[in-house]
Amino acid sequence: MKHYVGIDLGGTNIVTAVVDEKYNIISRSSTKTKGLERTFEVVVADIANTVHDAVKKAGMSMDDISSIGLGTPSCINPKTGLLVHANSMGWQNVPLYDALKKHLDKPLFIKNDADCAALGEVLAGCAGEYKDALVVALGTGIGCGMIMNGKIFNGCDNMGAEMGHTKLVYDGVLCTCGQKGCFESYASATALINQTREAIIRNPSSKMKDMCDGDLDKVDGKLAFDAAKQGDSTAIAVIDQYVSYLGAGLSTLITIFRPEVILIGGGIGNQGEALLEPLNKRIHELTFAANQIGVPKAINAKLGNDAGIIGAAMLGLQE
């Protein structure tokens, strides 16, 4: 049986695992990233160390590993070979591939972390019966990955499918990318938190104010959902607006890509049917020709953080 290494590189943690060809995780190793506190070279050395540690924990040597894949919150510029921008680590135009190859003498593949998560869900998660799936992670931003015919879709230069930065509102809310009106500025967990805070300020009699002890810094992505379940009208309005933004963005992506299924993950995805039931209704209302040709259903992703690790491990089989 062949074995692969998958690495999930985030701003907080580096998580590495040995994965077999049936998508089972055999062993893990992790460490803190601290990319803003330490040099690029030190973090790269730590990534390599987690690889060797995971392989050792699996009772193997590097000779037993077929390839290594890494998912990162950025992408590799095909013209320069450099990692474009990983804000959480303070990296911009860094030679991640070349630096890692100095430590790891194995075939190495690097993709955006959302693409890796999408691939992992399609191969090993709840989308196993599908070949065309859109995976959407609703977290700090919106991470999207599109799998077409079992393969990651990135466009002609591997820089495409940044769907969180498609425009939802012309000249709208300022996004962290510097543009205005991006999808993730309206439908990420961060956007929902901002919308909840604004609603509490406008409607101080809302239950949401008491539920966060009047401290807007305590507002999280669950608060509006929790208050809506208690019948709070302000919270219900917040959720309705949020679902409308999310549904509008997804309806556009459905019209463009026509996936078989939409997998919803990330922190907001944990709301289950409280999110999915109104979201599927709104998607049907907003999507072109929904009554004539139907629309794919939005369902919960299954693998959580393991999706990115498994998908990264399998990157070599995508080439």
C-alpha atoms as a PDB file:
ATOM      1  CA  MET A   1       0.000   0.000   0.000  1.00  0.00           C
ATOM      2  CA  LYS A   2       1.255   3.461  -0.888  1.00  0.00           C
ATOM      3  CA  HIS A   3       1.535   6.229   1.683  1.00  0.00           C
ATOM      4  CA  TYR A   4       1.541   9.997   1.340  1.00  0.00           C
ATOM      5  CA  VAL A   5       2.108  12.999   3.588  1.00  0.00           C
ATOM      6  CA  GLY A   6      -0.414  15.816   3.848  1.00  0.00           C
ATOM      7  CA  ILE A   7       0.362  19.163   5.502  1.00  0.00           C
ATOM      8  CA  ASP A   8      -2.202  21.743   6.597  1.00  0.00           C
ATOM      9  CA  LEU A   9      -0.322  25.015   7.061  1.00  0.00           C
ATOM     10  CA  GLY A  10      -2.291  27.674   8.904  1.00  0.00           C
ATOM     11  CA  GLY A  11      -1.554  30.877  10.724  1.00  0.00           C
ATOM     12  CA  THR A  12      -1.946  29.143  14.094  1.00  0.00           C
ATOM     13  CA  ASN A  13      -0.909  25.523  13.571  1.00  0.00           C
ATOM     14  CA  ILE A  14       1.061  23.272  11.275  1.00  0.00           C
ATOM     15  CA  VAL A  15      -0.644  19.868  11.155  1.00  0.00           C
ATOM     16  CA  THR A  16       0.945  17.022   9.240  1.00  0.00           C
ATOM     17  CA  ALA A  17      -0.247  13.455   8.700  1.00  0.00           C
ATOM     18  CA  VAL A  18       0.693  10.249   6.933  1.00  0.00           C
ATOM     19  CA  VAL A  19      -2.245   9.092   4.809  1.00  0.00           C
ATOM     20  CA  ASP A  20      -2.657   5.768   3.036  1.00  0.00           C
ATOM     21  CA  GLU A  21      -4.120   5.254  -0.437  1.00  0.00           C
ATOM     22  CA  LYS A  22      -7.552   4.537   1.065  1.00  0.00           C
ATOM     23  CA  TYR A  23      -7.524   8.013   2.678  1.00  0.00           C
ATOM     24  CA  ASN A  24      -6.966   6.732   6.215  1.00  0.00           C
ATOM     25  CA  ILE A  25      -4.845   8.961   8.481  1.00  0.00           C
ATOM     26  CA  ILE A  26      -2.117   6.756   9.967  1.00  0.00           C
ATOM     27  CA  SER A  27      -0.274   9.251  12.154  1.00  0.00           C
ATOM     28  CA  ARG A  28      -0.112  12.960  12.939  1.00  0.00           C
ATOM     29  CA  SER A  29       2.333  15.594  14.072  1.00  0.00           C
ATOM     30  CA  SER A  30       1.684  19.245  14.808  1.00  0.00           C
ATOM     31  CA  THR A  31       3.308  22.398  16.085  1.00  0.00           C
ATOM     32  CA  LYS A  32       2.463  26.080  16.437  1.00  0.00           C
ATOM     33  CA  THR A  33       3.151  28.216  13.385  1.00  0.00           C
ATOM     34  CA  LYS A  34       3.908  31.600  14.954  1.00  0.00           C
ATOM     35  CA  GLY A  35       4.687  32.939  11.513  1.00  0.00           C
ATOM     36  CA  LEU A  36       4.374  36.550  12.594  1.00  0.00           C
ATOM     37  CA  GLU A  37       6.899  36.019  15.385  1.00  0.00           C
ATOM     38  CA  ARG A  38       9.522  33.948  13.585  1.00  0.00           C
ATOM     39  CA  THR A  39      11.384  34.009  10.316  1.00  0.00           C
ATOM     40  CA  PHE A  40      10.190  32.254   7.191  1.00  0.00           C
ATOM     41  CA  GLU A  41      13.169  29.888   7.319  1.00  0.00           C
ATOM     42  CA  VAL A  42      12.402  28.788  10.889  1.00  0.00           C
ATOM     43  CA  VAL A  43       8.766  28.035  10.051  1.00  0.00           C
ATOM     44  CA  VAL A  44       9.827  26.063   6.975  1.00  0.00           C
ATOM     45  CA  ALA A  45      12.190  23.999   9.138  1.00  0.00           C
ATOM     46  CA  ASP A  46       9.310  23.308  11.524  1.00  0.00           C
ATOM     47  CA  ILE A  47       7.130  22.125   8.641  1.00  0.00           C
ATOM     48  CA  ALA A  48       9.845  19.684   7.609  1.00  0.00           C
ATOM     49  CA  ASN A  49      10.251  18.521  11.213  1.00  0.00           C
ATOM     50  CA  THR A  50       6.551  17.685  11.479  1.00  0.00           C
ATOM     51  CA  VAL A  51       6.858  15.616   8.308  1.00  0.00           C
ATOM     52  CA  HIS A  52       9.724  13.563   9.683  1.00  0.00           C
ATOM     53  CA  ASP A  53       7.946  13.218  13.024  1.00  0.00           C
ATOM     54  CA  ALA A  54       4.690  12.008  11.454  1.00  0.00           C
ATOM     55  CA  VAL A  55       6.555   9.489   9.327  1.00  0.00           C
ATOM     56  CA  LYS A  56       8.438   8.223  12.380  1.00  0.00           C
ATOM     57  CA  LYS A  57       5.199   7.900  14.367  1.00  0.00           C
ATOM     58  CA  ALA A  58       3.773   5.811  11.528  1.00  0.00           C
ATOM     59  CA  GLY A  59       6.680   3.400  11.948  1.00  0.00           C
ATOM     60  CA  MET A  60       8.013   4.284   8.520  1.00  0.00           C
ATOM     61  CA  SER A  61      10.940   5.998   6.843  1.00  0.00           C
ATOM     62  CA  MET A  62      10.873   8.629   4.137  1.00  0.00           C
ATOM     63  CA  ASP A  63      11.530   5.846   1.630  1.00  0.00           C
ATOM     64  CA  ASP A  64       7.985   4.644   2.319  1.00  0.00           C
ATOM     65  CA  ILE A  65       6.448   7.997   1.294  1.00  0.00           C
ATOM     66  CA  SER A  66       5.383   8.447  -2.339  1.00  0.00           C
ATOM     67  CA  SER A  67       4.840  12.221  -2.274  1.00  0.00           C
ATOM     68  CA  ILE A  68       4.136  15.206  -0.034  1.00  0.00           C
ATOM     69  CA  GLY A  69       1.336  17.731  -0.437  1.00  0.00           C
ATOM     70  CA  LEU A  70       0.822  21.022   1.374  1.00  0.00           C
ATOM     71  CA  GLY A  71      -2.251  23.197   1.701  1.00  0.00           C
ATOM     72  CA  THR A  72      -1.595  26.858   2.440  1.00  0.00           C
ATOM     73  CA  PRO A  73      -3.786  29.972   2.814  1.00  0.00           C
ATOM     74  CA  SER A  74      -2.467  31.352  -0.453  1.00  0.00           C
ATOM     75  CA  CYS A  75      -1.373  30.025  -3.825  1.00  0.00           C
ATOM     76  CA  ILE A  76       1.807  29.659  -5.849  1.00  0.00           C
ATOM     77  CA  ASN A  77       2.347  32.171  -8.646  1.00  0.00           C
ATOM     78  CA  PRO A  78       3.130  30.010 -11.707  1.00  0.00           C
ATOM     79  CA  LYS A  79       5.199  32.803 -13.269  1.00  0.00           C
ATOM     80  CA  THR A  80       7.535  33.279 -10.303  1.00  0.00           C
ATOM     81  CA  GLY A  81       7.168  30.048  -8.321  1.00  0.00           C
ATOM     82  CA  LEU A  82       6.594  32.156  -5.193  1.00  0.00           C
ATOM     83  CA  LEU A  83       3.847  31.899  -2.596  1.00  0.00           C
ATOM     84  CA  VAL A  84       1.798  35.002  -3.299  1.00  0.00           C
ATOM     85  CA  HIS A  85       0.484  36.207   0.061  1.00  0.00           C
ATOM     86  CA  ALA A  86      -0.267  34.539   3.407  1.00  0.00           C
ATOM     87  CA  ASN A  87      -1.446  37.387   5.599  1.00  0.00           C
ATOM     88  CA  SER A  88      -1.757  35.288   8.773  1.00  0.00           C
ATOM     89  CA  MET A  89       1.965  34.569   8.621  1.00  0.00           C
ATOM     90  CA  GLY A  90       3.173  37.858   7.213  1.00  0.00           C
ATOM     91  CA  TRP A  91       4.468  36.157   4.077  1.00  0.00           C
ATOM     92  CA  GLN A  92       4.488  37.776   0.676  1.00  0.00           C
ATOM     93  CA  ASN A  93       6.234  36.390  -2.415  1.00  0.00           C
ATOM     94  CA  VAL A  94       8.245  33.792  -0.479  1.00  0.00           C
ATOM     95  CA  PRO A  95       9.957  30.756  -2.102  1.00  0.00           C
ATOM     96  CA  LEU A  96       8.029  28.134  -0.124  1.00  0.00           C
ATOM     97  CA  TYR A  97       8.467  25.319  -2.631  1.00  0.00           C
ATOM     98  CA  ASP A  98      12.226  25.765  -3.049  1.00  0.00           C
ATOM     99  CA  ALA A  99      12.760  26.231   0.692  1.00  0.00           C
ATOM    100  CA  LEU A 100      10.886  23.033   1.561  1.00  0.00           C
ATOM    101  CA  LYS A 101      12.687  21.027  -1.106  1.00  0.00           C
ATOM    102  CA  LYS A 102      15.947  21.736   0.714  1.00  0.00           C
ATOM    103  CA  HIS A 103      14.557  19.752   3.660  1.00  0.00           C
ATOM    104  CA  LEU A 104      12.350  17.178   1.923  1.00  0.00           C
ATOM    105  CA  ASP A 105      13.710  15.114  -0.953  1.00  0.00           C
ATOM    106  CA  LYS A 106      10.345  13.900  -2.213  1.00  0.00           C
ATOM    107  CA  PRO A 107       7.892  14.996  -4.930  1.00  0.00           C
ATOM    108  CA  LEU A 108       6.225  18.075  -3.432  1.00  0.00           C
ATOM    109  CA  PHE A 109       2.924  19.683  -4.384  1.00  0.00           C
ATOM    110  CA  ILE A 110       1.432  22.912  -2.993  1.00  0.00           C
ATOM    111  CA  LYS A 111      -2.135  24.151  -3.367  1.00  0.00           C
ATOM    112  CA  ASN A 112      -4.500  26.561  -1.683  1.00  0.00           C
ATOM    113  CA  ASP A 113      -5.887  25.094   1.548  1.00  0.00           C
ATOM    114  CA  ALA A 114      -9.512  25.451   0.427  1.00  0.00           C
ATOM    115  CA  ASP A 115      -8.728  23.457  -2.719  1.00  0.00           C
ATOM    116  CA  CYS A 116      -7.157  20.746  -0.578  1.00  0.00           C
ATOM    117  CA  ALA A 117     -10.205  20.626   1.673  1.00  0.00           C
ATOM    118  CA  ALA A 118     -12.476  20.370  -1.350  1.00  0.00           C
ATOM    119  CA  LEU A 119     -10.447  17.507  -2.771  1.00  0.00           C
ATOM    120  CA  GLY A 120     -10.427  15.710   0.573  1.00  0.00           C
ATOM    121  CA  GLU A 121     -14.199  15.965   0.937  1.00  0.00           C
ATOM    122  CA  VAL A 122     -14.793  14.657  -2.581  1.00  0.00           C
ATOM    123  CA  LEU A 123     -12.371  11.763  -2.183  1.00  0.00           C
ATOM    124  CA  ALA A 124     -13.071  10.700   1.384  1.00  0.00           C
ATOM    125  CA  GLY A 125     -15.962  12.695   2.818  1.00  0.00           C
ATOM    126  CA  CYS A 126     -19.656  13.091   2.183  1.00  0.00           C
ATOM    127  CA  ALA A 127     -19.153  13.959  -1.483  1.00  0.00           C
ATOM    128  CA  GLY A 128     -17.630  10.596  -2.342  1.00  0.00           C
ATOM    129  CA  GLU A 129     -20.469   9.834  -4.745  1.00  0.00           C
ATOM    130  CA  TYR A 130     -19.904  13.060  -6.687  1.00  0.00           C
ATOM    131  CA  LYS A 131     -17.225  14.145  -9.153  1.00  0.00           C
ATOM    132  CA  ASP A 132     -18.272  17.792  -9.377  1.00  0.00           C
ATOM    133  CA  ALA A 133     -18.597  19.590  -6.049  1.00  0.00           C
ATOM    134  CA  LEU A 134     -18.302  23.114  -4.711  1.00  0.00           C
ATOM    135  CA  VAL A 135     -16.901  23.255  -1.170  1.00  0.00           C
ATOM    136  CA  VAL A 136     -17.457  26.447   0.817  1.00  0.00           C
ATOM    137  CA  ALA A 137     -15.865  27.062   4.233  1.00  0.00           C
ATOM    138  CA  LEU A 138     -17.556  29.872   6.163  1.00  0.00           C
ATOM    139  CA  GLY A 139     -14.887  31.074   8.557  1.00  0.00           C
ATOM    140  CA  THR A 140     -12.841  34.236   9.012  1.00  0.00           C
ATOM    141  CA  GLY A 141     -13.145  34.574   5.250  1.00  0.00           C
ATOM    142  CA  ILE A 142     -14.808  32.347   2.670  1.00  0.00           C
ATOM    143  CA  GLY A 143     -12.621  29.538   1.438  1.00  0.00           C
ATOM    144  CA  CYS A 144     -13.916  27.896  -1.719  1.00  0.00           C
ATOM    145  CA  GLY A 145     -12.736  24.945  -3.725  1.00  0.00           C
ATOM    146  CA  MET A 146     -14.202  23.624  -6.971  1.00  0.00           C
ATOM    147  CA  ILE A 147     -13.748  20.002  -7.977  1.00  0.00           C
ATOM    148  CA  MET A 148     -14.556  19.196 -11.596  1.00  0.00           C
ATOM    149  CA  ASN A 149     -14.566  15.585 -12.762  1.00  0.00           C
ATOM    150  CA  GLY A 150     -12.619  14.645  -9.650  1.00  0.00           C
ATOM    151  CA  LYS A 151      -9.912  17.273 -10.227  1.00  0.00           C
ATOM    152  CA  ILE A 152      -9.184  20.629  -8.601  1.00  0.00           C
ATOM    153  CA  PHE A 153     -10.206  23.508 -10.858  1.00  0.00           C
ATOM    154  CA  ASN A 154      -7.889  26.536 -10.684  1.00  0.00           C
ATOM    155  CA  GLY A 155      -8.090  28.054 -14.161  1.00  0.00           C
ATOM    156  CA  CYS A 156      -5.327  28.361 -16.734  1.00  0.00           C
ATOM    157  CA  ASP A 157      -2.667  29.629 -14.333  1.00  0.00           C
ATOM    158  CA  ASN A 158      -3.630  27.899 -11.060  1.00  0.00           C
ATOM    159  CA  MET A 159      -4.645  31.269  -9.626  1.00  0.00           C
ATOM    160  CA  GLY A 160      -8.394  31.000 -10.189  1.00  0.00           C
ATOM    161  CA  ALA A 161     -11.381  29.894  -8.110  1.00  0.00           C
ATOM    162  CA  GLU A 162     -10.861  32.625  -5.475  1.00  0.00           C
ATOM    163  CA  MET A 163     -14.637  32.713  -5.126  1.00  0.00           C
ATOM    164  CA  GLY A 164     -14.677  34.545  -1.815  1.00  0.00           C
ATOM    165  CA  HIS A 165     -13.445  37.571  -3.746  1.00  0.00           C
ATOM    166  CA  THR A 166     -16.077  37.572  -6.445  1.00  0.00           C
ATOM    167  CA  LYS A 167     -18.143  40.758  -6.285  1.00  0.00           C
ATOM    168  CA  LEU A 168     -21.492  40.531  -4.523  1.00  0.00           C
ATOM    169  CA  VAL A 169     -22.169  44.262  -4.124  1.00  0.00           C
ATOM    170  CA  TYR A 170     -20.665  46.879  -6.423  1.00  0.00           C
ATOM    171  CA  ASP A 171     -18.614  49.391  -4.412  1.00  0.00           C
ATOM    172  CA  GLY A 172     -19.785  47.711  -1.215  1.00  0.00           C
ATOM    173  CA  VAL A 173     -18.141  46.824   2.092  1.00  0.00           C
ATOM    174  CA  LEU A 174     -14.338  47.044   2.114  1.00  0.00           C
ATOM    175  CA  CYS A 175     -12.736  43.587   2.057  1.00  0.00           C
ATOM    176  CA  THR A 176      -9.423  42.589   3.623  1.00  0.00           C
ATOM    177  CA  CYS A 177      -8.097  42.070   0.085  1.00  0.00           C
ATOM    178  CA  GLY A 178      -8.459  45.806  -0.570  1.00  0.00           C
ATOM    179  CA  GLN A 179     -11.392  45.490  -2.965  1.00  0.00           C
ATOM    180  CA  LYS A 180     -14.976  46.432  -2.127  1.00  0.00           C
ATOM    181  CA  GLY A 181     -18.106  44.304  -2.151  1.00  0.00           C
ATOM    182  CA  CYS A 182     -16.500  40.859  -2.073  1.00  0.00           C
ATOM    183  CA  PHE A 183     -18.661  37.815  -1.318  1.00  0.00           C
ATOM    184  CA  GLU A 184     -16.746  37.096   1.906  1.00  0.00           C
ATOM    185  CA  SER A 185     -17.322  40.652   3.144  1.00  0.00           C
ATOM    186  CA  TYR A 186     -21.023  39.785   3.347  1.00  0.00           C
ATOM    187  CA  ALA A 187     -21.225  36.036   3.950  1.00  0.00           C
ATOM    188  CA  SER A 188     -18.193  34.943   6.016  1.00  0.00           C
ATOM    189  CA  ALA A 189     -18.378  34.303   9.762  1.00  0.00           C
ATOM    190  CA  THR A 190     -16.603  37.633  10.226  1.00  0.00           C
ATOM    191  CA  ALA A 191     -19.309  39.358   8.189  1.00  0.00           C
ATOM    192  CA  LEU A 192     -22.047  37.721  10.259  1.00  0.00           C
ATOM    193  CA  ILE A 193     -20.362  38.872  13.465  1.00  0.00           C
ATOM    194  CA  ASN A 194     -20.210  42.445  12.136  1.00  0.00           C
ATOM    195  CA  GLN A 195     -23.847  42.301  11.044  1.00  0.00           C
ATOM    196  CA  THR A 196     -24.860  41.000  14.481  1.00  0.00           C
ATOM    197  CA  ARG A 197     -23.004  43.778  16.264  1.00  0.00           C
ATOM    198  CA  GLU A 198     -24.612  46.413  14.072  1.00  0.00           C
ATOM    199  CA  ALA A 199     -28.054  44.951  14.763  1.00  0.00           C
ATOM    200  CA  ILE A 200     -27.478  45.033  18.534  1.00  0.00           C
ATOM    201  CA  ILE A 201     -26.444  48.689  18.338  1.00  0.00           C
ATOM    202  CA  ARG A 202     -29.578  49.536  16.333  1.00  0.00           C
ATOM    203  CA  ASN A 203     -31.840  47.417  18.540  1.00  0.00           C
ATOM    204  CA  PRO A 204     -30.515  47.408  22.125  1.00  0.00           C
ATOM    205  CA  SER A 205     -33.696  45.663  23.364  1.00  0.00           C
ATOM    206  CA  SER A 206     -32.722  42.519  21.441  1.00  0.00           C
ATOM    207  CA  LYS A 207     -32.020  39.396  23.497  1.00  0.00           C
ATOM    208  CA  MET A 208     -28.663  39.308  21.763  1.00  0.00           C
ATOM    209  CA  LYS A 209     -27.432  42.196  23.899  1.00  0.00           C
ATOM    210  CA  ASP A 210     -28.096  40.285  27.124  1.00  0.00           C
ATOM    211  CA  MET A 211     -26.682  37.070  25.654  1.00  0.00           C
ATOM    212  CA  CYS A 212     -23.328  38.765  25.069  1.00  0.00           C
ATOM    213  CA  ASP A 213     -23.502  40.635  28.404  1.00  0.00           C
ATOM    214  CA  GLY A 214     -23.638  43.897  26.507  1.00  0.00           C
ATOM    215  CA  ASP A 215     -20.046  43.343  25.344  1.00  0.00           C
ATOM    216  CA  LEU A 216     -19.843  43.497  21.551  1.00  0.00           C
ATOM    217  CA  ASP A 217     -16.408  41.891  21.690  1.00  0.00           C
ATOM    218  CA  LYS A 218     -18.127  38.681  22.863  1.00  0.00           C
ATOM    219  CA  VAL A 219     -20.286  38.449  19.741  1.00  0.00           C
ATOM    220  CA  ASP A 220     -19.512  35.334  17.717  1.00  0.00           C
ATOM    221  CA  GLY A 221     -20.995  33.547  14.725  1.00  0.00           C
ATOM    222  CA  LYS A 222     -23.390  31.552  16.901  1.00  0.00           C
ATOM    223  CA  LEU A 223     -25.049  34.377  18.780  1.00  0.00           C
ATOM    224  CA  ALA A 224     -27.629  35.379  16.179  1.00  0.00           C
ATOM    225  CA  PHE A 225     -28.537  31.736  15.525  1.00  0.00           C
ATOM    226  CA  ASP A 226     -28.945  31.060  19.258  1.00  0.00           C
ATOM    227  CA  ALA A 227     -31.122  34.130  19.764  1.00  0.00           C
ATOM    228  CA  ALA A 228     -33.181  33.364  16.654  1.00  0.00           C
ATOM    229  CA  LYS A 229     -34.023  29.947  18.111  1.00  0.00           C
ATOM    230  CA  GLN A 230     -35.457  31.819  21.105  1.00  0.00           C
ATOM    231  CA  GLY A 231     -37.673  33.871  18.811  1.00  0.00           C
ATOM    232  CA  ASP A 232     -35.745  37.151  18.957  1.00  0.00           C
ATOM    233  CA  SER A 233     -37.021  39.186  16.006  1.00  0.00           C
ATOM    234  CA  THR A 234     -33.789  41.139  15.559  1.00  0.00           C
ATOM    235  CA  ALA A 235     -31.748  37.946  15.438  1.00  0.00           C
ATOM    236  CA  ILE A 236     -34.189  36.376  12.984  1.00  0.00           C
ATOM    237  CA  ALA A 237     -33.752  39.407  10.727  1.00  0.00           C
ATOM    238  CA  VAL A 238     -29.944  39.152  10.978  1.00  0.00           C
ATOM    239  CA  ILE A 239     -30.007  35.480   9.976  1.00  0.00           C
ATOM    240  CA  ASP A 240     -32.447  36.153   7.146  1.00  0.00           C
ATOM    241  CA  GLN A 241     -30.202  38.881   5.754  1.00  0.00           C
ATOM    242  CA  TYR A 242     -27.073  36.740   6.156  1.00  0.00           C
ATOM    243  CA  VAL A 243     -28.686  33.759   4.417  1.00  0.00           C
ATOM    244  CA  SER A 244     -29.776  36.072   1.610  1.00  0.00           C
ATOM    245  CA  TYR A 245     -26.201  37.252   1.070  1.00  0.00           C
ATOM    246  CA  LEU A 246     -24.880  33.698   1.192  1.00  0.00           C
ATOM    247  CA  GLY A 247     -27.592  32.396  -1.104  1.00  0.00           C
ATOM    248  CA  ALA A 248     -27.005  35.173  -3.629  1.00  0.00           C
ATOM    249  CA  GLY A 249     -23.295  34.441  -3.809  1.00  0.00           C
ATOM    250  CA  LEU A 250     -23.826  30.705  -4.109  1.00  0.00           C
ATOM    251  CA  SER A 251     -26.512  31.119  -6.764  1.00  0.00           C
ATOM    252  CA  THR A 252     -23.977  32.921  -8.959  1.00  0.00           C
ATOM    253  CA  LEU A 253     -21.408  30.164  -8.475  1.00  0.00           C
ATOM    254  CA  ILE A 254     -24.029  27.518  -9.272  1.00  0.00           C
ATOM    255  CA  THR A 255     -24.951  29.292 -12.486  1.00  0.00           C
ATOM    256  CA  ILE A 256     -21.293  29.420 -13.537  1.00  0.00           C
ATOM    257  CA  PHE A 257     -20.081  25.970 -12.477  1.00  0.00           C
ATOM    258  CA  ARG A 258     -23.213  23.793 -12.099  1.00  0.00           C
ATOM    259  CA  PRO A 259     -21.765  21.494  -9.400  1.00  0.00           C
ATOM    260  CA  GLU A 260     -23.606  18.335  -8.355  1.00  0.00           C
ATOM    261  CA  VAL A 261     -23.519  19.337  -4.693  1.00  0.00           C
ATOM    262  CA  ILE A 262     -22.446  22.203  -2.431  1.00  0.00           C
ATOM    263  CA  LEU A 263     -20.611  21.260   0.752  1.00  0.00           C
ATOM    264  CA  ILE A 264     -20.792  23.816   3.558  1.00  0.00           C
ATOM    265  CA  GLY A 265     -18.062  23.770   6.203  1.00  0.00           C
ATOM    266  CA  GLY A 266     -16.337  26.164   8.550  1.00  0.00           C
ATOM    267  CA  GLY A 267     -17.660  27.464  11.855  1.00  0.00           C
ATOM    268  CA  ILE A 268     -21.012  28.669  10.484  1.00  0.00           C
ATOM    269  CA  GLY A 269     -21.521  25.303   8.811  1.00  0.00           C
ATOM    270  CA  ASN A 270     -21.841  23.808  12.300  1.00  0.00           C
ATOM    271  CA  GLN A 271     -25.320  25.350  12.544  1.00  0.00           C
ATOM    272  CA  GLY A 272     -26.633  22.454  10.471  1.00  0.00           C
ATOM    273  CA  GLU A 273     -30.268  22.670   9.377  1.00  0.00           C
ATOM    274  CA  ALA A 274     -30.732  26.045  11.063  1.00  0.00           C
ATOM    275  CA  LEU A 275     -28.544  27.322   8.225  1.00  0.00           C
ATOM    276  CA  LEU A 276     -29.112  24.763   5.483  1.00  0.00           C
ATOM    277  CA  GLU A 277     -32.918  24.744   5.407  1.00  0.00           C
ATOM    278  CA  PRO A 278     -33.350  28.483   4.731  1.00  0.00           C
ATOM    279  CA  LEU A 279     -30.206  28.532   2.590  1.00  0.00           C
ATOM    280  CA  ASN A 280     -31.450  25.845   0.208  1.00  0.00           C
ATOM    281  CA  LYS A 281     -34.763  27.672  -0.097  1.00  0.00           C
ATOM    282  CA  ARG A 282     -33.008  30.946  -0.879  1.00  0.00           C
ATOM    283  CA  ILE A 283     -30.657  29.303  -3.392  1.00  0.00           C
ATOM    284  CA  HIS A 284     -33.652  27.896  -5.254  1.00  0.00           C
ATOM    285  CA  GLU A 285     -35.319  31.317  -5.310  1.00  0.00           C
ATOM    286  CA  LEU A 286     -32.237  33.112  -6.618  1.00  0.00           C
ATOM    287  CA  THR A 287     -30.664  30.674  -9.091  1.00  0.00           C
ATOM    288  CA  PHE A 288     -31.194  30.935 -12.836  1.00  0.00           C
ATOM    289  CA  ALA A 289     -33.624  28.350 -14.268  1.00  0.00           C
ATOM    290  CA  ALA A 290     -34.005  26.605 -10.912  1.00  0.00           C
ATOM    291  CA  ASN A 291     -37.567  25.492 -11.690  1.00  0.00           C
ATOM    292  CA  GLN A 292     -36.581  24.145 -15.090  1.00  0.00           C
ATOM    293  CA  ILE A 293     -33.278  22.368 -14.404  1.00  0.00           C
ATOM    294  CA  GLY A 294     -33.085  22.263 -10.611  1.00  0.00           C
ATOM    295  CA  VAL A 295     -30.281  23.321  -8.301  1.00  0.00           C
ATOM    296  CA  PRO A 296     -27.675  21.346  -6.350  1.00  0.00           C
ATOM    297  CA  LYS A 297     -28.403  20.881  -2.679  1.00  0.00           C
ATOM    298  CA  ALA A 298     -26.242  22.475   0.010  1.00  0.00           C
ATOM    299  CA  ILE A 299     -25.266  19.919   2.646  1.00  0.00           C
ATOM    300  CA  ASN A 300     -22.787  19.833   5.520  1.00  0.00           C
ATOM    301  CA  ALA A 301     -19.172  18.889   4.873  1.00  0.00           C
ATOM    302  CA  LYS A 302     -18.115  15.835   6.859  1.00  0.00           C
ATOM    303  CA  LEU A 303     -14.382  15.697   7.482  1.00  0.00           C
ATOM    304  CA  GLY A 304     -13.719  18.984   9.256  1.00  0.00           C
ATOM    305  CA  ASN A 305     -10.019  19.837   9.480  1.00  0.00           C
ATOM    306  CA  ASP A 306      -9.059  16.374   8.222  1.00  0.00           C
ATOM    307  CA  ALA A 307     -10.368  17.269   4.755  1.00  0.00           C
ATOM    308  CA  GLY A 308      -7.450  19.621   4.089  1.00  0.00           C
ATOM    309  CA  ILE A 309      -4.874  17.115   5.287  1.00  0.00           C
ATOM    310  CA  ILE A 310      -6.281  14.251   3.209  1.00  0.00           C
ATOM    311  CA  GLY A 311      -6.678  16.454   0.154  1.00  0.00           C
ATOM    312  CA  ALA A 312      -3.136  17.769   0.468  1.00  0.00           C
ATOM    313  CA  ALA A 313      -1.781  14.229   0.776  1.00  0.00           C
ATOM    314  CA  MET A 314      -3.476  13.284  -2.484  1.00  0.00           C
ATOM    315  CA  LEU A 315      -2.234  16.269  -4.503  1.00  0.00           C
ATOM    316  CA  GLY A 316       0.417  14.185  -6.235  1.00  0.00           C
ATOM    317  CA  LEU A 317      -2.286  12.002  -7.760  1.00  0.00           C
ATOM    318  CA  GLN A 318      -3.854  15.089  -9.351  1.00  0.00           C
ATOM    319  CA  GLU A 319      -0.893  15.730 -11.607  1.00  0.00           C
END
